[in-house]
Amino acid sequence: MPAKTKKARKPKDPRAAELRALGERIRVHRKHRKVSQQKLAGELGLSIAYVSLIECGRRNPPYSRVVAIARALHVPAAKLVE
């Protein structure tokens, strides 16, 4: 029986903590405004899954999308990226 080989793990993204923090700030502002992921996604022309992935820190949205999210939530973009 051949020996099992370990799969090489992907190296951790050095931006992971920052992306999680960005996602958390988006989630906090969204919930404060009582906006569902579905409504936010609809306003932005995005899928609900993509909004969820951003909030979980598993996607790195372009700055233009962060600005669009901020506008939809009626907060300055700086509040999301600080």
PDB file of N, CA and C in Angstrom:
ATOM      1  N   MET A   1       0.837  -1.171   0.000  1.00  0.00           N
ATOM      2  CA  MET A   1       0.000   0.000   0.000  1.00  0.00           C
ATOM      3  C   MET A   1       0.888   1.241   0.000  1.00  0.00           C
ATOM      4  N   PRO A   2       0.642   2.182  -0.935  1.00  0.00           N
ATOM      5  CA  PRO A   2       1.492   3.378  -0.999  1.00  0.00           C
ATOM      6  C   PRO A   2       1.266   4.285   0.205  1.00  0.00           C
ATOM      7  N   ALA A   3       2.322   4.962   0.583  1.00  0.00           N
ATOM      8  CA  ALA A   3       2.238   5.882   1.719  1.00  0.00           C
ATOM      9  C   ALA A   3       1.411   7.101   1.324  1.00  0.00           C
ATOM     10  N   LYS A   4       0.646   7.600   2.280  1.00  0.00           N
ATOM     11  CA  LYS A   4      -0.167   8.789   2.021  1.00  0.00           C
ATOM     12  C   LYS A   4       0.726  10.012   1.997  1.00  0.00           C
ATOM     13  N   THR A   5       0.440  10.869   1.056  1.00  0.00           N
ATOM     14  CA  THR A   5       1.193  12.124   0.991  1.00  0.00           C
ATOM     15  C   THR A   5       0.287  13.243   1.501  1.00  0.00           C
ATOM     16  N   LYS A   6       0.895  14.156   2.189  1.00  0.00           N
ATOM     17  CA  LYS A   6       0.128  15.290   2.695  1.00  0.00           C
ATOM     18  C   LYS A   6      -0.071  16.290   1.577  1.00  0.00           C
ATOM     19  N   LYS A   7      -1.270  16.828   1.532  1.00  0.00           N
ATOM     20  CA  LYS A   7      -1.538  17.872   0.555  1.00  0.00           C
ATOM     21  C   LYS A   7      -0.910  19.166   1.048  1.00  0.00           C
ATOM     22  N   ALA A   8      -0.341  19.868   0.123  1.00  0.00           N
ATOM     23  CA  ALA A   8       0.252  21.158   0.478  1.00  0.00           C
ATOM     24  C   ALA A   8      -0.877  22.141   0.773  1.00  0.00           C
ATOM     25  N   ARG A   9      -0.794  22.795   1.905  1.00  0.00           N
ATOM     26  CA  ARG A   9      -1.797  23.794   2.249  1.00  0.00           C
ATOM     27  C   ARG A   9      -1.482  25.096   1.558  1.00  0.00           C
ATOM     28  N   LYS A  10      -2.553  25.796   1.240  1.00  0.00           N
ATOM     29  CA  LYS A  10      -2.366  27.129   0.673  1.00  0.00           C
ATOM     30  C   LYS A  10      -1.776  28.022   1.749  1.00  0.00           C
ATOM     31  N   PRO A  11      -0.836  28.857   1.386  1.00  0.00           N
ATOM     32  CA  PRO A  11      -0.319  29.785   2.388  1.00  0.00           C
ATOM     33  C   PRO A  11      -1.420  30.772   2.771  1.00  0.00           C
ATOM     34  N   LYS A  12      -1.455  31.154   4.044  1.00  0.00           N
ATOM     35  CA  LYS A  12      -2.464  32.104   4.498  1.00  0.00           C
ATOM     36  C   LYS A  12      -2.275  33.440   3.807  1.00  0.00           C
ATOM     37  N   ASP A  13      -3.368  34.014   3.418  1.00  0.00           N
ATOM     38  CA  ASP A  13      -3.347  35.328   2.786  1.00  0.00           C
ATOM     39  C   ASP A  13      -2.988  36.353   3.851  1.00  0.00           C
ATOM     40  N   PRO A  14      -1.939  37.136   3.631  1.00  0.00           N
ATOM     41  CA  PRO A  14      -1.543  38.117   4.644  1.00  0.00           C
ATOM     42  C   PRO A  14      -2.610  39.190   4.879  1.00  0.00           C
ATOM     43  N   ARG A  15      -3.548  39.297   3.949  1.00  0.00           N
ATOM     44  CA  ARG A  15      -4.614  40.294   4.094  1.00  0.00           C
ATOM     45  C   ARG A  15      -5.843  39.730   4.777  1.00  0.00           C
ATOM     46  N   ALA A  16      -5.808  38.476   5.178  1.00  0.00           N
ATOM     47  CA  ALA A  16      -6.994  37.801   5.703  1.00  0.00           C
ATOM     48  C   ALA A  16      -7.621  38.553   6.875  1.00  0.00           C
ATOM     49  N   ALA A  17      -6.820  38.997   7.821  1.00  0.00           N
ATOM     50  CA  ALA A  17      -7.366  39.703   8.984  1.00  0.00           C
ATOM     51  C   ALA A  17      -8.019  41.018   8.560  1.00  0.00           C
ATOM     52  N   GLU A  18      -7.406  41.713   7.611  1.00  0.00           N
ATOM     53  CA  GLU A  18      -7.977  42.972   7.141  1.00  0.00           C
ATOM     54  C   GLU A  18      -9.276  42.747   6.391  1.00  0.00           C
ATOM     55  N   LEU A  19      -9.345  41.674   5.604  1.00  0.00           N
ATOM     56  CA  LEU A  19     -10.571  41.374   4.870  1.00  0.00           C
ATOM     57  C   LEU A  19     -11.699  40.981   5.823  1.00  0.00           C
ATOM     58  N   ARG A  20     -11.350  40.223   6.874  1.00  0.00           N
ATOM     59  CA  ARG A  20     -12.374  39.874   7.880  1.00  0.00           C
ATOM     60  C   ARG A  20     -12.876  41.127   8.582  1.00  0.00           C
ATOM     61  N   ALA A  21     -11.966  42.049   8.903  1.00  0.00           N
ATOM     62  CA  ALA A  21     -12.355  43.292   9.571  1.00  0.00           C
ATOM     63  C   ALA A  21     -13.251  44.139   8.661  1.00  0.00           C
ATOM     64  N   LEU A  22     -12.905  44.226   7.378  1.00  0.00           N
ATOM     65  CA  LEU A  22     -13.735  44.955   6.426  1.00  0.00           C
ATOM     66  C   LEU A  22     -15.126  44.337   6.368  1.00  0.00           C
ATOM     67  N   GLY A  23     -15.179  43.028   6.252  1.00  0.00           N
ATOM     68  CA  GLY A  23     -16.463  42.333   6.196  1.00  0.00           C
ATOM     69  C   GLY A  23     -17.293  42.554   7.444  1.00  0.00           C
ATOM     70  N   GLU A  24     -16.636  42.530   8.581  1.00  0.00           N
ATOM     71  CA  GLU A  24     -17.351  42.742   9.846  1.00  0.00           C
ATOM     72  C   GLU A  24     -17.911  44.164   9.908  1.00  0.00           C
ATOM     73  N   ARG A  25     -17.140  45.147   9.470  1.00  0.00           N
ATOM     74  CA  ARG A  25     -17.643  46.530   9.474  1.00  0.00           C
ATOM     75  C   ARG A  25     -18.831  46.679   8.527  1.00  0.00           C
ATOM     76  N   ILE A  26     -18.772  46.030   7.370  1.00  0.00           N
ATOM     77  CA  ILE A  26     -19.904  46.063   6.440  1.00  0.00           C
ATOM     78  C   ILE A  26     -21.125  45.439   7.103  1.00  0.00           C
ATOM     79  N   ARG A  27     -20.945  44.287   7.731  1.00  0.00           N
ATOM     80  CA  ARG A  27     -22.062  43.594   8.388  1.00  0.00           C
ATOM     81  C   ARG A  27     -22.677  44.460   9.491  1.00  0.00           C
ATOM     82  N   VAL A  28     -21.826  45.072  10.304  1.00  0.00           N
ATOM     83  CA  VAL A  28     -22.324  45.911  11.405  1.00  0.00           C
ATOM     84  C   VAL A  28     -23.172  47.059  10.855  1.00  0.00           C
ATOM     85  N   HIS A  29     -22.673  47.747   9.839  1.00  0.00           N
ATOM     86  CA  HIS A  29     -23.425  48.875   9.272  1.00  0.00           C
ATOM     87  C   HIS A  29     -24.700  48.394   8.585  1.00  0.00           C
ATOM     88  N   ARG A  30     -24.631  47.250   7.918  1.00  0.00           N
ATOM     89  CA  ARG A  30     -25.823  46.705   7.253  1.00  0.00           C
ATOM     90  C   ARG A  30     -26.901  46.367   8.265  1.00  0.00           C
ATOM     91  N   LYS A  31     -26.509  45.705   9.342  1.00  0.00           N
ATOM     92  CA  LYS A  31     -27.492  45.333  10.363  1.00  0.00           C
ATOM     93  C   LYS A  31     -28.020  46.559  11.106  1.00  0.00           C
ATOM     94  N   HIS A  32     -27.156  47.543  11.326  1.00  0.00           N
ATOM     95  CA  HIS A  32     -27.592  48.779  11.985  1.00  0.00           C
ATOM     96  C   HIS A  32     -28.685  49.459  11.158  1.00  0.00           C
ATOM     97  N   ARG A  33     -28.561  49.397   9.842  1.00  0.00           N
ATOM     98  CA  ARG A  33     -29.553  50.003   8.947  1.00  0.00           C
ATOM     99  C   ARG A  33     -30.732  49.069   8.698  1.00  0.00           C
ATOM    100  N   LYS A  34     -30.676  47.866   9.297  1.00  0.00           N
ATOM    101  CA  LYS A  34     -31.730  46.856   9.136  1.00  0.00           C
ATOM    102  C   LYS A  34     -31.953  46.480   7.663  1.00  0.00           C
ATOM    103  N   VAL A  35     -30.831  46.268   6.982  1.00  0.00           N
ATOM    104  CA  VAL A  35     -30.845  45.871   5.575  1.00  0.00           C
ATOM    105  C   VAL A  35     -30.400  44.414   5.500  1.00  0.00           C
ATOM    106  N   SER A  36     -31.151  43.597   4.786  1.00  0.00           N
ATOM    107  CA  SER A  36     -30.766  42.193   4.627  1.00  0.00           C
ATOM    108  C   SER A  36     -29.678  42.070   3.564  1.00  0.00           C
ATOM    109  N   GLN A  37     -28.986  40.946   3.603  1.00  0.00           N
ATOM    110  CA  GLN A  37     -27.993  40.678   2.557  1.00  0.00           C
ATOM    111  C   GLN A  37     -28.683  40.645   1.195  1.00  0.00           C
ATOM    112  N   GLN A  38     -29.883  40.106   1.165  1.00  0.00           N
ATOM    113  CA  GLN A  38     -30.637  40.015  -0.086  1.00  0.00           C
ATOM    114  C   GLN A  38     -30.930  41.406  -0.650  1.00  0.00           C
ATOM    115  N   LYS A  39     -31.379  42.315   0.207  1.00  0.00           N
ATOM    116  CA  LYS A  39     -31.695  43.672  -0.253  1.00  0.00           C
ATOM    117  C   LYS A  39     -30.432  44.400  -0.703  1.00  0.00           C
ATOM    118  N   LEU A  40     -29.349  44.284   0.078  1.00  0.00           N
ATOM    119  CA  LEU A  40     -28.093  44.934  -0.290  1.00  0.00           C
ATOM    120  C   LEU A  40     -27.586  44.394  -1.620  1.00  0.00           C
ATOM    121  N   ALA A  41     -27.617  43.087  -1.768  1.00  0.00           N
ATOM    122  CA  ALA A  41     -27.164  42.464  -3.017  1.00  0.00           C
ATOM    123  C   ALA A  41     -27.998  42.955  -4.196  1.00  0.00           C
ATOM    124  N   GLY A  42     -29.299  43.037  -4.012  1.00  0.00           N
ATOM    125  CA  GLY A  42     -30.180  43.513  -5.079  1.00  0.00           C
ATOM    126  C   GLY A  42     -29.886  44.945  -5.484  1.00  0.00           C
ATOM    127  N   GLU A  43     -29.640  45.802  -4.493  1.00  0.00           N
ATOM    128  CA  GLU A  43     -29.333  47.203  -4.787  1.00  0.00           C
ATOM    129  C   GLU A  43     -28.030  47.354  -5.559  1.00  0.00           C
ATOM    130  N   LEU A  44     -27.097  46.442  -5.310  1.00  0.00           N
ATOM    131  CA  LEU A  44     -25.770  46.534  -5.931  1.00  0.00           C
ATOM    132  C   LEU A  44     -25.623  45.669  -7.180  1.00  0.00           C
ATOM    133  N   GLY A  45     -26.630  44.870  -7.474  1.00  0.00           N
ATOM    134  CA  GLY A  45     -26.533  43.976  -8.624  1.00  0.00           C
ATOM    135  C   GLY A  45     -25.563  42.829  -8.397  1.00  0.00           C
ATOM    136  N   LEU A  46     -25.453  42.395  -7.137  1.00  0.00           N
ATOM    137  CA  LEU A  46     -24.554  41.301  -6.760  1.00  0.00           C
ATOM    138  C   LEU A  46     -25.378  40.110  -6.302  1.00  0.00           C
ATOM    139  N   SER A  47     -24.735  38.958  -6.205  1.00  0.00           N
ATOM    140  CA  SER A  47     -25.432  37.809  -5.644  1.00  0.00           C
ATOM    141  C   SER A  47     -25.367  37.879  -4.114  1.00  0.00           C
ATOM    142  N   ILE A  48     -26.333  37.256  -3.488  1.00  0.00           N
ATOM    143  CA  ILE A  48     -26.359  37.193  -2.027  1.00  0.00           C
ATOM    144  C   ILE A  48     -25.116  36.457  -1.534  1.00  0.00           C
ATOM    145  N   ALA A  49     -24.722  35.419  -2.253  1.00  0.00           N
ATOM    146  CA  ALA A  49     -23.550  34.638  -1.859  1.00  0.00           C
ATOM    147  C   ALA A  49     -22.293  35.507  -1.857  1.00  0.00           C
ATOM    148  N   TYR A  50     -22.158  36.388  -2.850  1.00  0.00           N
ATOM    149  CA  TYR A  50     -20.977  37.251  -2.922  1.00  0.00           C
ATOM    150  C   TYR A  50     -20.954  38.227  -1.747  1.00  0.00           C
ATOM    151  N   VAL A  51     -22.116  38.803  -1.415  1.00  0.00           N
ATOM    152  CA  VAL A  51     -22.189  39.709  -0.258  1.00  0.00           C
ATOM    153  C   VAL A  51     -21.802  38.942   1.007  1.00  0.00           C
ATOM    154  N   SER A  52     -22.294  37.731   1.137  1.00  0.00           N
ATOM    155  CA  SER A  52     -21.958  36.909   2.292  1.00  0.00           C
ATOM    156  C   SER A  52     -20.458  36.630   2.363  1.00  0.00           C
ATOM    157  N   LEU A  53     -19.861  36.315   1.235  1.00  0.00           N
ATOM    158  CA  LEU A  53     -18.418  36.031   1.204  1.00  0.00           C
ATOM    159  C   LEU A  53     -17.603  37.272   1.566  1.00  0.00           C
ATOM    160  N   ILE A  54     -18.047  38.443   1.128  1.00  0.00           N
ATOM    161  CA  ILE A  54     -17.357  39.681   1.508  1.00  0.00           C
ATOM    162  C   ILE A  54     -17.446  39.856   3.018  1.00  0.00           C
ATOM    163  N   GLU A  55     -18.646  39.674   3.574  1.00  0.00           N
ATOM    164  CA  GLU A  55     -18.828  39.861   5.017  1.00  0.00           C
ATOM    165  C   GLU A  55     -18.037  38.852   5.839  1.00  0.00           C
ATOM    166  N   CYS A  56     -17.794  37.693   5.282  1.00  0.00           N
ATOM    167  CA  CYS A  56     -17.003  36.666   5.985  1.00  0.00           C
ATOM    168  C   CYS A  56     -15.502  36.864   5.779  1.00  0.00           C
ATOM    169  N   GLY A  57     -15.136  37.816   4.939  1.00  0.00           N
ATOM    170  CA  GLY A  57     -13.722  38.072   4.689  1.00  0.00           C
ATOM    171  C   GLY A  57     -13.095  37.106   3.714  1.00  0.00           C
ATOM    172  N   ARG A  58     -13.925  36.447   2.913  1.00  0.00           N
ATOM    173  CA  ARG A  58     -13.394  35.456   1.977  1.00  0.00           C
ATOM    174  C   ARG A  58     -13.279  35.987   0.555  1.00  0.00           C
ATOM    175  N   ARG A  59     -13.649  37.237   0.353  1.00  0.00           N
ATOM    176  CA  ARG A  59     -13.477  37.896  -0.938  1.00  0.00           C
ATOM    177  C   ARG A  59     -12.851  39.261  -0.717  1.00  0.00           C
ATOM    178  N   ASN A  60     -12.062  39.683  -1.677  1.00  0.00           N
ATOM    179  CA  ASN A  60     -11.397  40.982  -1.633  1.00  0.00           C
ATOM    180  C   ASN A  60     -12.041  41.865  -2.693  1.00  0.00           C
ATOM    181  N   PRO A  61     -13.087  42.605  -2.312  1.00  0.00           N
ATOM    182  CA  PRO A  61     -13.787  43.401  -3.318  1.00  0.00           C
ATOM    183  C   PRO A  61     -12.945  44.584  -3.779  1.00  0.00           C
ATOM    184  N   PRO A  62     -13.098  44.975  -5.040  1.00  0.00           N
ATOM    185  CA  PRO A  62     -12.377  46.164  -5.501  1.00  0.00           C
ATOM    186  C   PRO A  62     -12.881  47.400  -4.756  1.00  0.00           C
ATOM    187  N   TYR A  63     -12.037  48.409  -4.699  1.00  0.00           N
ATOM    188  CA  TYR A  63     -12.400  49.618  -3.961  1.00  0.00           C
ATOM    189  C   TYR A  63     -13.696  50.225  -4.484  1.00  0.00           C
ATOM    190  N   SER A  64     -13.910  50.174  -5.782  1.00  0.00           N
ATOM    191  CA  SER A  64     -15.147  50.736  -6.348  1.00  0.00           C
ATOM    192  C   SER A  64     -16.374  50.026  -5.781  1.00  0.00           C
ATOM    193  N   ARG A  65     -16.260  48.737  -5.506  1.00  0.00           N
ATOM    194  CA  ARG A  65     -17.384  47.996  -4.927  1.00  0.00           C
ATOM    195  C   ARG A  65     -17.563  48.372  -3.461  1.00  0.00           C
ATOM    196  N   VAL A  66     -16.470  48.585  -2.751  1.00  0.00           N
ATOM    197  CA  VAL A  66     -16.557  49.024  -1.352  1.00  0.00           C
ATOM    198  C   VAL A  66     -17.256  50.378  -1.287  1.00  0.00           C
ATOM    199  N   VAL A  67     -16.930  51.262  -2.213  1.00  0.00           N
ATOM    200  CA  VAL A  67     -17.572  52.580  -2.265  1.00  0.00           C
ATOM    201  C   VAL A  67     -19.065  52.413  -2.546  1.00  0.00           C
ATOM    202  N   ALA A  68     -19.420  51.527  -3.467  1.00  0.00           N
ATOM    203  CA  ALA A  68     -20.835  51.284  -3.779  1.00  0.00           C
ATOM    204  C   ALA A  68     -21.570  50.726  -2.568  1.00  0.00           C
ATOM    205  N   ILE A  69     -20.935  49.831  -1.829  1.00  0.00           N
ATOM    206  CA  ILE A  69     -21.548  49.280  -0.616  1.00  0.00           C
ATOM    207  C   ILE A  69     -21.755  50.394   0.400  1.00  0.00           C
ATOM    208  N   ALA A  70     -20.747  51.226   0.572  1.00  0.00           N
ATOM    209  CA  ALA A  70     -20.847  52.339   1.519  1.00  0.00           C
ATOM    210  C   ALA A  70     -22.008  53.257   1.150  1.00  0.00           C
ATOM    211  N   ARG A  71     -22.128  53.578  -0.119  1.00  0.00           N
ATOM    212  CA  ARG A  71     -23.237  54.449  -0.561  1.00  0.00           C
ATOM    213  C   ARG A  71     -24.582  53.791  -0.291  1.00  0.00           C
ATOM    214  N   ALA A  72     -24.681  52.504  -0.570  1.00  0.00           N
ATOM    215  CA  ALA A  72     -25.943  51.792  -0.341  1.00  0.00           C
ATOM    216  C   ALA A  72     -26.303  51.770   1.146  1.00  0.00           C
ATOM    217  N   LEU A  73     -25.280  51.777   2.007  1.00  0.00           N
ATOM    218  CA  LEU A  73     -25.516  51.756   3.457  1.00  0.00           C
ATOM    219  C   LEU A  73     -25.535  53.159   4.063  1.00  0.00           C
ATOM    220  N   HIS A  74     -25.341  54.178   3.216  1.00  0.00           N
ATOM    221  CA  HIS A  74     -25.358  55.581   3.655  1.00  0.00           C
ATOM    222  C   HIS A  74     -24.305  55.866   4.724  1.00  0.00           C
ATOM    223  N   VAL A  75     -23.103  55.350   4.478  1.00  0.00           N
ATOM    224  CA  VAL A  75     -21.971  55.645   5.349  1.00  0.00           C
ATOM    225  C   VAL A  75     -20.785  56.043   4.484  1.00  0.00           C
ATOM    226  N   PRO A  76     -19.876  56.847   4.992  1.00  0.00           N
ATOM    227  CA  PRO A  76     -18.669  57.174   4.222  1.00  0.00           C
ATOM    228  C   PRO A  76     -17.826  55.902   4.019  1.00  0.00           C
ATOM    229  N   ALA A  77     -17.244  55.778   2.842  1.00  0.00           N
ATOM    230  CA  ALA A  77     -16.391  54.619   2.564  1.00  0.00           C
ATOM    231  C   ALA A  77     -15.276  54.478   3.581  1.00  0.00           C
ATOM    232  N   ALA A  78     -14.796  55.619   4.095  1.00  0.00           N
ATOM    233  CA  ALA A  78     -13.710  55.598   5.094  1.00  0.00           C
ATOM    234  C   ALA A  78     -14.121  54.817   6.331  1.00  0.00           C
ATOM    235  N   LYS A  79     -15.412  54.823   6.668  1.00  0.00           N
ATOM    236  CA  LYS A  79     -15.876  54.068   7.840  1.00  0.00           C
ATOM    237  C   LYS A  79     -15.713  52.562   7.637  1.00  0.00           C
ATOM    238  N   LEU A  80     -15.744  52.123   6.391  1.00  0.00           N
ATOM    239  CA  LEU A  80     -15.621  50.692   6.123  1.00  0.00           C
ATOM    240  C   LEU A  80     -14.173  50.244   6.018  1.00  0.00           C
ATOM    241  N   VAL A  81     -13.284  51.155   5.600  1.00  0.00           N
ATOM    242  CA  VAL A  81     -11.902  50.746   5.363  1.00  0.00           C
ATOM    243  C   VAL A  81     -10.931  51.201   6.429  1.00  0.00           C
ATOM    244  N   GLU A  82     -11.392  51.888   7.455  1.00  0.00           N
ATOM    245  CA  GLU A  82     -10.483  52.420   8.485  1.00  0.00           C
ATOM    246  C   GLU A  82      -9.867  51.335   9.320  1.00  0.00           C
TER     247      GLU A  82
END
